[in-house]
Amino acid sequence: MRVLIACEYSGRVRDAFIRVGHDAMSCDIIATDTPGPHHHGDVLEIIDDNWDLLIGFPPCTHLSASGARWFADKRRDGRQQSGIDFFMLLANAPINKIVLENPIGVMSTHYRKPDQIIQPWQYGHGETKATCLWLKGVNPLQPTNIVEGREPRMWKLPPSVDRAKIRSQTYQGIADAMANQWG
């Protein structure tokens, strides 16, 4: 399968699909952290290139419920609508199989309820981080390794230049489950 991983700089999901034999490419407006097939630019430049599966991680900065106290400003200046519009461009891409990921937030009302909500502890990581998945043409992701030690560690990260980048990375267990189940 030809798999496009949109808004992924880490290469984790891309590399998981490559390991199980697929032609996968990540794409982000920032350079990849891990060498491999990566389009450094706007995903809309390559969205029409005959992909079989799109897995998108659209930015959640203006969509996530964790930032609700700033929603009024984000609605007023258009940042939230820009985030919604980009999410919907991915949702409506001309690809038969689409998975979009985002935390709990405004897309549940501006688009539709997610098809499922997953947690890292269902895939081998002892943490909590509710992650919504909107699915088209694929089955819900099945847990692969339910573990104890369920702590909400991500929101406890101290301020840093890389905090947002670290918080946005897909857990390896989830990336592997995506490749093994949707590939």
Protein backbone atom coordinates (compact mmCIF):
# COMPACT_ATOMS: atom_id res chain seq x y z
CA MET A 1 0.00 0.00 0.00
CA ARG A 2 1.01 3.62 -0.52
CA VAL A 3 0.63 5.31 2.85
CA LEU A 4 0.82 9.03 3.54
CA ILE A 5 1.43 10.07 7.13
CA ALA A 6 0.42 13.73 7.26
CA CYS A 7 1.73 16.16 9.86
CA GLU A 8 4.33 13.74 11.19
CA TYR A 9 7.91 14.88 11.73
CA SER A 10 9.02 11.99 13.98
CA GLY A 11 8.79 9.24 11.37
CA ARG A 12 7.41 6.77 13.92
CA VAL A 13 4.22 5.85 12.08
CA ARG A 14 5.93 6.06 8.68
CA ASP A 15 8.70 3.72 9.79
CA ALA A 16 6.24 1.28 11.38
CA PHE A 17 4.48 0.93 7.99
CA ILE A 18 7.81 0.57 6.17
CA ARG A 19 8.88 -2.21 8.58
CA VAL A 20 5.80 -4.26 7.62
CA GLY A 21 6.45 -3.79 3.91
CA HIS A 22 4.51 -0.73 2.78
CA ASP A 23 5.54 2.28 0.72
CA ALA A 24 5.08 4.99 3.35
CA MET A 25 5.99 8.66 3.40
CA SER A 26 5.70 11.21 6.20
CA CYS A 27 4.95 14.84 5.49
CA ASP A 28 5.25 17.94 7.65
CA ILE A 29 6.11 21.61 7.33
CA ILE A 30 9.14 20.85 9.51
CA ALA A 31 11.96 18.47 8.65
CA THR A 32 11.79 14.87 9.82
CA ASP A 33 13.66 13.85 12.98
CA THR A 34 14.39 10.41 11.52
CA PRO A 35 15.90 9.85 8.07
CA GLY A 36 13.46 8.26 5.65
CA PRO A 37 10.89 9.14 2.99
CA HIS A 38 9.61 12.57 4.00
CA HIS A 39 8.01 15.47 2.15
CA HIS A 40 9.17 18.65 3.86
CA GLY A 41 6.32 20.96 2.96
CA ASP A 42 2.56 21.35 2.83
CA VAL A 43 0.65 18.06 2.65
CA LEU A 44 -1.74 19.66 0.15
CA GLU A 45 1.12 19.62 -2.38
CA ILE A 46 1.04 15.80 -2.46
CA ILE A 47 -2.44 14.83 -1.20
CA ASP A 48 -3.66 13.93 -4.71
CA ASP A 49 -0.78 11.54 -5.49
CA ASN A 50 -2.79 8.27 -5.47
CA TRP A 51 -2.42 7.23 -1.82
CA ASP A 52 -4.17 4.12 -0.53
CA LEU A 53 -4.21 5.26 3.10
CA LEU A 54 -3.88 8.66 4.77
CA ILE A 55 -3.12 8.86 8.48
CA GLY A 56 -3.26 12.49 9.53
CA PHE A 57 -2.19 14.21 12.72
CA PRO A 58 -3.53 17.73 12.07
CA PRO A 59 -2.28 20.33 14.55
CA CYS A 60 -4.48 20.49 17.63
CA THR A 61 -3.21 23.78 19.06
CA HIS A 62 -6.44 25.61 18.26
CA LEU A 63 -8.80 22.60 18.46
CA SER A 64 -8.00 20.77 21.70
CA ALA A 65 -10.28 21.09 24.73
CA SER A 66 -7.19 21.61 26.88
CA GLY A 67 -6.98 25.12 25.38
CA ALA A 68 -10.66 25.96 25.84
CA ARG A 69 -9.94 29.05 27.94
CA TRP A 70 -8.44 30.66 24.80
CA PHE A 71 -11.22 29.59 22.40
CA ALA A 72 -12.94 33.00 22.32
CA ASP A 73 -9.75 34.71 21.13
CA LYS A 74 -9.00 31.88 18.68
CA ARG A 75 -12.50 32.10 17.20
CA ARG A 76 -12.33 35.88 16.97
CA ASP A 77 -8.99 36.01 15.15
CA GLY A 78 -9.66 32.98 12.90
CA ARG A 79 -7.03 30.58 14.29
CA GLN A 80 -9.64 28.02 15.33
CA GLN A 81 -11.46 28.17 11.99
CA SER A 82 -8.14 27.71 10.16
CA GLY A 83 -7.49 24.58 12.23
CA ILE A 84 -10.99 23.26 11.51
CA ASP A 85 -10.62 23.98 7.79
CA PHE A 86 -7.30 22.12 7.60
CA PHE A 87 -8.71 19.13 9.50
CA MET A 88 -11.63 19.02 7.05
CA LEU A 89 -9.32 19.24 4.01
CA LEU A 90 -7.69 16.04 5.26
CA ALA A 91 -11.05 14.43 6.13
CA ASN A 92 -12.32 15.11 2.60
CA ALA A 93 -9.15 14.08 0.76
CA PRO A 94 -9.66 11.86 -2.33
CA ILE A 95 -8.34 8.78 -0.52
CA ASN A 96 -10.39 5.66 0.25
CA LYS A 97 -8.89 4.98 3.67
CA ILE A 98 -8.41 7.88 6.07
CA VAL A 99 -7.57 8.06 9.76
CA LEU A 100 -7.42 11.41 11.52
CA GLU A 101 -6.07 11.81 15.05
CA ASN A 102 -6.69 14.64 17.50
CA PRO A 103 -7.28 15.03 21.22
CA ILE A 104 -10.73 15.64 22.62
CA GLY A 105 -11.81 19.02 21.30
CA VAL A 106 -13.94 20.98 18.90
CA MET A 107 -13.91 18.51 15.99
CA SER A 108 -16.50 16.41 17.81
CA THR A 109 -19.00 19.22 17.25
CA HIS A 110 -17.64 20.85 14.08
CA TYR A 111 -17.27 17.54 12.22
CA ARG A 112 -18.63 14.51 14.06
CA LYS A 113 -17.96 12.39 17.10
CA PRO A 114 -14.78 10.31 16.76
CA ASP A 115 -15.14 6.66 15.85
CA GLN A 116 -13.00 5.68 18.81
CA ILE A 117 -10.89 7.04 21.64
CA ILE A 118 -7.67 5.20 22.41
CA GLN A 119 -5.18 5.42 25.28
CA PRO A 120 -1.40 4.73 25.31
CA TRP A 121 -1.88 2.17 28.12
CA GLN A 122 -3.80 -0.01 25.64
CA TYR A 123 -0.64 -0.28 23.51
CA GLY A 124 2.14 -0.90 26.03
CA HIS A 125 2.73 2.57 27.49
CA GLY A 126 1.77 3.21 31.13
CA GLU A 127 0.26 6.60 30.48
CA THR A 128 -3.08 8.24 29.89
CA LYS A 129 -3.64 10.54 26.94
CA ALA A 130 -7.10 10.26 25.41
CA THR A 131 -6.68 10.29 21.65
CA CYS A 132 -9.63 10.51 19.26
CA LEU A 133 -9.61 8.71 15.92
CA TRP A 134 -11.93 9.49 13.01
CA LEU A 135 -11.97 6.53 10.64
CA LYS A 136 -12.93 6.06 6.99
CA GLY A 137 -12.50 2.66 5.32
CA VAL A 138 -10.59 1.04 8.21
CA ASN A 139 -11.65 -0.87 11.31
CA PRO A 140 -11.21 0.51 14.83
CA LEU A 141 -7.73 -0.02 16.26
CA GLN A 142 -7.63 -2.98 18.65
CA PRO A 143 -5.59 -2.84 21.89
CA THR A 144 -2.36 -4.84 21.69
CA ASN A 145 -0.77 -4.65 25.13
CA ILE A 146 -2.84 -3.37 28.07
CA VAL A 147 -0.52 -2.30 30.88
CA GLU A 148 -0.75 -0.89 34.39
CA GLY A 149 0.82 2.36 35.57
CA ARG A 150 -1.73 4.69 34.03
CA GLU A 151 -0.36 8.16 34.67
CA PRO A 152 -1.10 11.44 32.87
CA ARG A 153 2.57 12.29 32.30
CA MET A 154 2.42 14.33 29.10
CA TRP A 155 0.67 17.36 30.56
CA LYS A 156 3.22 17.40 33.42
CA LEU A 157 6.16 18.09 31.10
CA PRO A 158 7.97 21.26 32.17
CA PRO A 159 8.07 24.25 29.82
CA SER A 160 10.70 23.91 27.11
CA VAL A 161 11.38 24.75 23.49
CA ASP A 162 10.50 21.15 22.51
CA ARG A 163 7.49 20.61 24.81
CA ALA A 164 4.86 20.77 22.04
CA LYS A 165 6.95 18.54 19.79
CA ILE A 166 7.41 15.93 22.52
CA ARG A 167 3.70 15.98 23.42
CA SER A 168 2.68 15.47 19.79
CA GLN A 169 4.76 12.33 19.15
CA THR A 170 2.85 9.12 18.54
CA TYR A 171 3.66 6.38 21.02
CA GLN A 172 5.60 3.54 19.39
CA GLY A 173 3.05 0.91 20.49
CA ILE A 174 0.26 2.86 18.78
CA ALA A 175 2.34 3.35 15.63
CA ASP A 176 3.06 -0.40 15.49
CA ALA A 177 -0.61 -1.25 16.02
CA MET A 178 -1.60 1.09 13.18
CA ALA A 179 0.88 -0.53 10.79
CA ASN A 180 0.02 -4.10 11.79
CA GLN A 181 -3.76 -3.62 11.77
CA TRP A 182 -4.34 -1.11 8.98
CA GLY A 183 -1.46 -2.22 6.77
